[in-house]
Amino acid sequence: MRKFNFALVLSAAALSISVPAQAEDLVFTLKNGTQSVLTRFYTSPVGVNSWEDDVFGRDVLNPGESMEITIADGRDVCKYDMKFEFEEGSDLDTTTDTQDLCEMGSYTIHE
């Protein structure tokens, strides 16, 4: 029994050693509430002076459609700058916004 308790104490000590916390992926739903095709979507944590890669890649978000977005940048932040670009010939200009995406769960871009 004594050996078991010693092993249990060693296991508990090993688990309590500080391990860097893993940031969770930020997941939210993006909805296109405009009449134009959303062709590019960029995010960047507030305070970062450059945009990350286009979140859509080859995808687009058509009017009225929704898409689940996952930001897996390894950061533990909630406030993001967002930049939306629409198809060529659209009446809509590139739009930017800043939101706390952890609180929202979903975001709708409007005209």
N, C-alpha and C. Protein backbone atom coordinates (compact mmCIF):
# COMPACT_ATOMS: atom_id res chain seq x y z
N MET A 1 0.83 -1.19 0.00
CA MET A 1 0.00 0.00 0.00
C MET A 1 0.87 1.25 0.00
N ARG A 2 1.99 1.17 0.74
CA ARG A 2 2.88 2.33 0.85
C ARG A 2 3.45 2.69 -0.53
N LYS A 3 3.83 1.65 -1.33
CA LYS A 3 4.36 1.90 -2.67
C LYS A 3 3.30 2.55 -3.56
N PHE A 4 2.05 2.12 -3.41
CA PHE A 4 0.96 2.69 -4.20
C PHE A 4 0.79 4.17 -3.88
N ASN A 5 0.79 4.56 -2.61
CA ASN A 5 0.65 5.96 -2.21
C ASN A 5 1.80 6.80 -2.75
N PHE A 6 3.02 6.25 -2.70
CA PHE A 6 4.17 6.97 -3.21
C PHE A 6 4.03 7.21 -4.72
N ALA A 7 3.58 6.18 -5.44
CA ALA A 7 3.37 6.32 -6.89
C ALA A 7 2.27 7.34 -7.18
N LEU A 8 1.23 7.35 -6.36
CA LEU A 8 0.14 8.30 -6.54
C LEU A 8 0.63 9.74 -6.33
N VAL A 9 1.47 9.94 -5.32
CA VAL A 9 2.02 11.27 -5.05
C VAL A 9 2.91 11.71 -6.20
N LEU A 10 3.73 10.80 -6.73
CA LEU A 10 4.59 11.14 -7.87
C LEU A 10 3.75 11.50 -9.09
N SER A 11 2.69 10.75 -9.34
CA SER A 11 1.82 11.04 -10.48
C SER A 11 1.17 12.41 -10.33
N ALA A 12 0.69 12.72 -9.13
CA ALA A 12 0.06 14.02 -8.90
C ALA A 12 1.06 15.13 -9.08
N ALA A 13 2.29 14.93 -8.62
CA ALA A 13 3.32 15.95 -8.77
C ALA A 13 3.65 16.17 -10.24
N ALA A 14 3.72 15.08 -10.99
CA ALA A 14 4.01 15.20 -12.42
C ALA A 14 2.91 15.96 -13.15
N LEU A 15 1.67 15.75 -12.79
CA LEU A 15 0.56 16.44 -13.43
C LEU A 15 0.49 17.90 -13.07
N SER A 16 1.01 18.26 -11.91
CA SER A 16 0.92 19.65 -11.47
C SER A 16 2.03 20.53 -12.04
N ILE A 17 3.01 19.91 -12.71
CA ILE A 17 4.07 20.69 -13.34
C ILE A 17 3.43 21.59 -14.39
N SER A 18 3.87 22.82 -14.41
CA SER A 18 3.28 23.81 -15.31
C SER A 18 3.49 23.43 -16.78
N VAL A 19 2.40 23.29 -17.49
CA VAL A 19 2.42 23.02 -18.92
C VAL A 19 1.72 24.18 -19.61
N PRO A 20 2.29 24.72 -20.68
CA PRO A 20 1.63 25.84 -21.36
C PRO A 20 0.20 25.48 -21.75
N ALA A 21 -0.71 26.38 -21.48
CA ALA A 21 -2.11 26.16 -21.83
C ALA A 21 -2.28 26.22 -23.34
N GLN A 22 -3.08 25.33 -23.87
CA GLN A 22 -3.39 25.33 -25.30
C GLN A 22 -4.54 26.30 -25.56
N ALA A 23 -4.36 27.20 -26.49
CA ALA A 23 -5.44 28.10 -26.86
C ALA A 23 -6.49 27.30 -27.62
N GLU A 24 -7.74 27.58 -27.33
CA GLU A 24 -8.81 26.89 -28.03
C GLU A 24 -9.10 27.60 -29.35
N ASP A 25 -9.53 26.83 -30.33
CA ASP A 25 -9.92 27.42 -31.60
C ASP A 25 -11.15 28.28 -31.38
N LEU A 26 -11.20 29.40 -32.08
CA LEU A 26 -12.35 30.30 -32.02
C LEU A 26 -13.28 29.92 -33.16
N VAL A 27 -14.50 29.53 -32.84
CA VAL A 27 -15.46 29.07 -33.85
C VAL A 27 -16.71 29.95 -33.78
N PHE A 28 -17.14 30.45 -34.93
CA PHE A 28 -18.37 31.24 -35.01
C PHE A 28 -18.97 31.07 -36.40
N THR A 29 -20.21 31.48 -36.54
CA THR A 29 -20.91 31.39 -37.83
C THR A 29 -20.91 32.77 -38.48
N LEU A 30 -20.49 32.82 -39.73
CA LEU A 30 -20.51 34.05 -40.51
C LEU A 30 -21.65 33.96 -41.51
N LYS A 31 -22.51 34.97 -41.52
CA LYS A 31 -23.64 34.99 -42.46
C LYS A 31 -23.51 36.19 -43.38
N ASN A 32 -23.75 35.97 -44.66
CA ASN A 32 -23.73 37.04 -45.64
C ASN A 32 -25.14 37.60 -45.78
N GLY A 33 -25.39 38.73 -45.15
CA GLY A 33 -26.69 39.37 -45.20
C GLY A 33 -26.77 40.44 -46.28
N THR A 34 -25.86 40.39 -47.25
CA THR A 34 -25.86 41.36 -48.35
C THR A 34 -26.44 40.71 -49.60
N GLN A 35 -26.52 41.50 -50.66
CA GLN A 35 -26.98 40.99 -51.95
C GLN A 35 -25.80 40.68 -52.88
N SER A 36 -24.59 40.69 -52.34
CA SER A 36 -23.38 40.45 -53.14
C SER A 36 -22.61 39.25 -52.61
N VAL A 37 -21.83 38.64 -53.49
CA VAL A 37 -21.00 37.51 -53.10
C VAL A 37 -19.80 38.01 -52.31
N LEU A 38 -19.59 37.44 -51.14
CA LEU A 38 -18.44 37.76 -50.31
C LEU A 38 -17.31 36.84 -50.75
N THR A 39 -16.26 37.43 -51.33
CA THR A 39 -15.20 36.62 -51.93
C THR A 39 -14.00 36.40 -51.03
N ARG A 40 -13.72 37.33 -50.15
CA ARG A 40 -12.57 37.20 -49.25
C ARG A 40 -12.93 37.70 -47.86
N PHE A 41 -12.39 36.99 -46.86
CA PHE A 41 -12.63 37.35 -45.46
C PHE A 41 -11.31 37.20 -44.71
N TYR A 42 -10.86 38.31 -44.14
CA TYR A 42 -9.61 38.34 -43.41
C TYR A 42 -9.88 38.66 -41.94
N THR A 43 -9.08 38.09 -41.06
CA THR A 43 -9.16 38.44 -39.64
C THR A 43 -7.75 38.72 -39.13
N SER A 44 -7.72 39.42 -38.03
CA SER A 44 -6.47 39.70 -37.36
C SER A 44 -6.80 40.14 -35.94
N PRO A 45 -6.10 39.63 -34.95
CA PRO A 45 -6.37 40.10 -33.59
C PRO A 45 -6.18 41.62 -33.50
N VAL A 46 -7.00 42.27 -32.71
CA VAL A 46 -6.87 43.72 -32.52
C VAL A 46 -5.44 44.02 -32.08
N GLY A 47 -4.84 45.03 -32.68
CA GLY A 47 -3.48 45.43 -32.33
C GLY A 47 -2.41 44.85 -33.24
N VAL A 48 -2.77 43.87 -34.07
CA VAL A 48 -1.83 43.32 -35.05
C VAL A 48 -2.01 44.15 -36.32
N ASN A 49 -0.92 44.64 -36.86
CA ASN A 49 -1.01 45.61 -37.96
C ASN A 49 -1.03 45.02 -39.36
N SER A 50 -1.24 43.72 -39.47
CA SER A 50 -1.35 43.13 -40.80
C SER A 50 -2.45 42.07 -40.77
N TRP A 51 -3.04 41.82 -41.93
CA TRP A 51 -4.11 40.84 -42.03
C TRP A 51 -3.53 39.44 -42.14
N GLU A 52 -4.19 38.48 -41.54
CA GLU A 52 -3.84 37.07 -41.70
C GLU A 52 -4.29 36.65 -43.10
N ASP A 53 -4.05 35.39 -43.48
CA ASP A 53 -4.48 34.89 -44.79
C ASP A 53 -5.99 34.92 -44.92
N ASP A 54 -6.45 34.92 -46.17
CA ASP A 54 -7.87 34.87 -46.47
C ASP A 54 -8.46 33.60 -45.87
N VAL A 55 -9.45 33.75 -45.00
CA VAL A 55 -10.06 32.62 -44.31
C VAL A 55 -10.78 31.70 -45.29
N PHE A 56 -11.37 32.25 -46.34
CA PHE A 56 -12.15 31.46 -47.29
C PHE A 56 -11.29 30.55 -48.18
N GLY A 57 -10.08 30.97 -48.46
CA GLY A 57 -9.28 30.21 -49.43
C GLY A 57 -9.94 30.31 -50.78
N ARG A 58 -10.37 29.18 -51.33
CA ARG A 58 -11.03 29.16 -52.65
C ARG A 58 -12.54 29.32 -52.55
N ASP A 59 -13.10 29.26 -51.34
CA ASP A 59 -14.54 29.35 -51.15
C ASP A 59 -15.02 30.80 -51.24
N VAL A 60 -16.32 30.96 -51.42
CA VAL A 60 -16.98 32.27 -51.35
C VAL A 60 -18.23 32.08 -50.50
N LEU A 61 -18.82 33.19 -50.10
CA LEU A 61 -20.07 33.12 -49.33
C LEU A 61 -21.12 33.91 -50.09
N ASN A 62 -22.08 33.18 -50.66
CA ASN A 62 -23.13 33.79 -51.47
C ASN A 62 -24.14 34.52 -50.58
N PRO A 63 -24.91 35.44 -51.17
CA PRO A 63 -25.94 36.16 -50.41
C PRO A 63 -26.87 35.19 -49.67
N GLY A 64 -27.11 35.48 -48.41
CA GLY A 64 -28.02 34.67 -47.60
C GLY A 64 -27.42 33.40 -47.03
N GLU A 65 -26.23 33.02 -47.45
CA GLU A 65 -25.60 31.80 -46.95
C GLU A 65 -24.83 32.06 -45.66
N SER A 66 -24.59 30.97 -44.92
CA SER A 66 -23.81 31.01 -43.69
C SER A 66 -22.68 30.00 -43.81
N MET A 67 -21.62 30.24 -43.05
CA MET A 67 -20.48 29.34 -43.04
C MET A 67 -19.89 29.33 -41.63
N GLU A 68 -19.55 28.15 -41.13
CA GLU A 68 -18.87 28.08 -39.85
C GLU A 68 -17.40 28.42 -40.07
N ILE A 69 -16.91 29.37 -39.30
CA ILE A 69 -15.53 29.84 -39.42
C ILE A 69 -14.77 29.37 -38.18
N THR A 70 -13.59 28.82 -38.40
CA THR A 70 -12.71 28.45 -37.31
C THR A 70 -11.42 29.24 -37.44
N ILE A 71 -11.09 29.99 -36.40
CA ILE A 71 -9.82 30.70 -36.35
C ILE A 71 -8.93 29.89 -35.40
N ALA A 72 -7.97 29.20 -35.98
CA ALA A 72 -7.08 28.33 -35.22
C ALA A 72 -5.67 28.91 -35.30
N ASP A 73 -5.52 30.13 -34.79
CA ASP A 73 -4.23 30.81 -34.90
C ASP A 73 -3.34 30.63 -33.67
N GLY A 74 -3.80 29.84 -32.70
CA GLY A 74 -3.00 29.58 -31.52
C GLY A 74 -3.01 30.70 -30.50
N ARG A 75 -3.78 31.75 -30.77
CA ARG A 75 -3.85 32.87 -29.85
C ARG A 75 -5.01 32.68 -28.88
N ASP A 76 -4.90 33.29 -27.74
CA ASP A 76 -5.95 33.21 -26.73
C ASP A 76 -6.61 34.59 -26.61
N VAL A 77 -7.18 35.07 -27.72
CA VAL A 77 -7.82 36.39 -27.75
C VAL A 77 -9.22 36.25 -28.34
N CYS A 78 -10.05 37.25 -28.10
CA CYS A 78 -11.42 37.24 -28.59
C CYS A 78 -11.72 38.40 -29.53
N LYS A 79 -11.04 39.53 -29.35
CA LYS A 79 -11.33 40.70 -30.18
C LYS A 79 -10.51 40.64 -31.47
N TYR A 80 -11.25 40.63 -32.57
CA TYR A 80 -10.63 40.54 -33.89
C TYR A 80 -11.10 41.67 -34.80
N ASP A 81 -10.16 42.17 -35.60
CA ASP A 81 -10.50 43.03 -36.72
C ASP A 81 -10.88 42.10 -37.86
N MET A 82 -11.88 42.51 -38.64
CA MET A 82 -12.32 41.70 -39.77
C MET A 82 -12.39 42.58 -41.01
N LYS A 83 -12.05 42.00 -42.13
CA LYS A 83 -12.10 42.71 -43.41
C LYS A 83 -12.85 41.83 -44.41
N PHE A 84 -13.84 42.43 -45.07
CA PHE A 84 -14.70 41.73 -46.02
C PHE A 84 -14.53 42.32 -47.40
N GLU A 85 -14.28 41.47 -48.39
CA GLU A 85 -14.17 41.92 -49.78
C GLU A 85 -15.23 41.21 -50.61
N PHE A 86 -15.86 41.99 -51.49
CA PHE A 86 -16.96 41.48 -52.30
C PHE A 86 -16.54 41.32 -53.76
N GLU A 87 -17.37 40.56 -54.50
CA GLU A 87 -17.06 40.28 -55.90
C GLU A 87 -16.88 41.56 -56.69
N GLU A 88 -16.04 41.46 -57.73
CA GLU A 88 -15.84 42.59 -58.63
C GLU A 88 -17.15 42.99 -59.25
N GLY A 89 -17.39 44.29 -59.39
CA GLY A 89 -18.63 44.78 -59.96
C GLY A 89 -19.73 44.96 -58.93
N SER A 90 -19.47 44.58 -57.70
CA SER A 90 -20.46 44.74 -56.64
C SER A 90 -20.57 46.22 -56.28
N ASP A 91 -21.73 46.60 -55.78
CA ASP A 91 -21.92 47.98 -55.31
C ASP A 91 -21.29 48.19 -53.94
N LEU A 92 -20.79 47.12 -53.32
CA LEU A 92 -20.26 47.21 -51.96
C LEU A 92 -18.75 47.38 -51.96
N ASP A 93 -18.29 48.29 -51.13
CA ASP A 93 -16.86 48.50 -50.95
C ASP A 93 -16.33 47.51 -49.92
N THR A 94 -15.01 47.38 -49.88
CA THR A 94 -14.38 46.59 -48.83
C THR A 94 -14.82 47.17 -47.49
N THR A 95 -15.20 46.30 -46.57
CA THR A 95 -15.74 46.71 -45.27
C THR A 95 -14.87 46.14 -44.17
N THR A 96 -14.70 46.90 -43.10
CA THR A 96 -13.98 46.41 -41.93
C THR A 96 -14.84 46.58 -40.68
N ASP A 97 -14.57 45.77 -39.68
CA ASP A 97 -15.28 45.85 -38.42
C ASP A 97 -14.41 45.20 -37.35
N THR A 98 -14.68 45.51 -36.09
CA THR A 98 -13.99 44.91 -34.96
C THR A 98 -15.04 44.39 -33.99
N GLN A 99 -14.90 43.13 -33.58
CA GLN A 99 -15.88 42.51 -32.68
C GLN A 99 -15.19 41.55 -31.72
N ASP A 100 -15.85 41.31 -30.58
CA ASP A 100 -15.45 40.26 -29.66
C ASP A 100 -16.16 38.99 -30.14
N LEU A 101 -15.46 38.16 -30.86
CA LEU A 101 -16.06 37.00 -31.50
C LEU A 101 -16.38 35.88 -30.51
N CYS A 102 -15.77 35.89 -29.34
CA CYS A 102 -16.08 34.88 -28.32
C CYS A 102 -17.49 35.08 -27.79
N GLU A 103 -17.91 36.32 -27.66
CA GLU A 103 -19.24 36.62 -27.12
C GLU A 103 -20.35 36.42 -28.14
N MET A 104 -20.03 36.58 -29.42
CA MET A 104 -21.07 36.62 -30.44
C MET A 104 -21.61 35.26 -30.86
N GLY A 105 -20.77 34.34 -31.16
CA GLY A 105 -21.23 33.05 -31.67
C GLY A 105 -21.59 33.09 -33.13
N SER A 106 -22.10 34.24 -33.61
CA SER A 106 -22.38 34.41 -35.03
C SER A 106 -22.24 35.89 -35.38
N TYR A 107 -21.95 36.13 -36.65
CA TYR A 107 -21.79 37.50 -37.14
C TYR A 107 -22.42 37.58 -38.52
N THR A 108 -23.24 38.61 -38.74
CA THR A 108 -23.87 38.83 -40.04
C THR A 108 -23.33 40.13 -40.63
N ILE A 109 -22.79 40.02 -41.84
CA ILE A 109 -22.34 41.22 -42.57
C ILE A 109 -23.54 41.77 -43.32
N HIS A 110 -23.79 43.08 -43.14
CA HIS A 110 -24.92 43.75 -43.79
C HIS A 110 -24.41 44.80 -44.76
N GLU A 111 -25.30 45.20 -45.67
CA GLU A 111 -24.95 46.28 -46.62
C GLU A 111 -24.94 47.61 -45.91
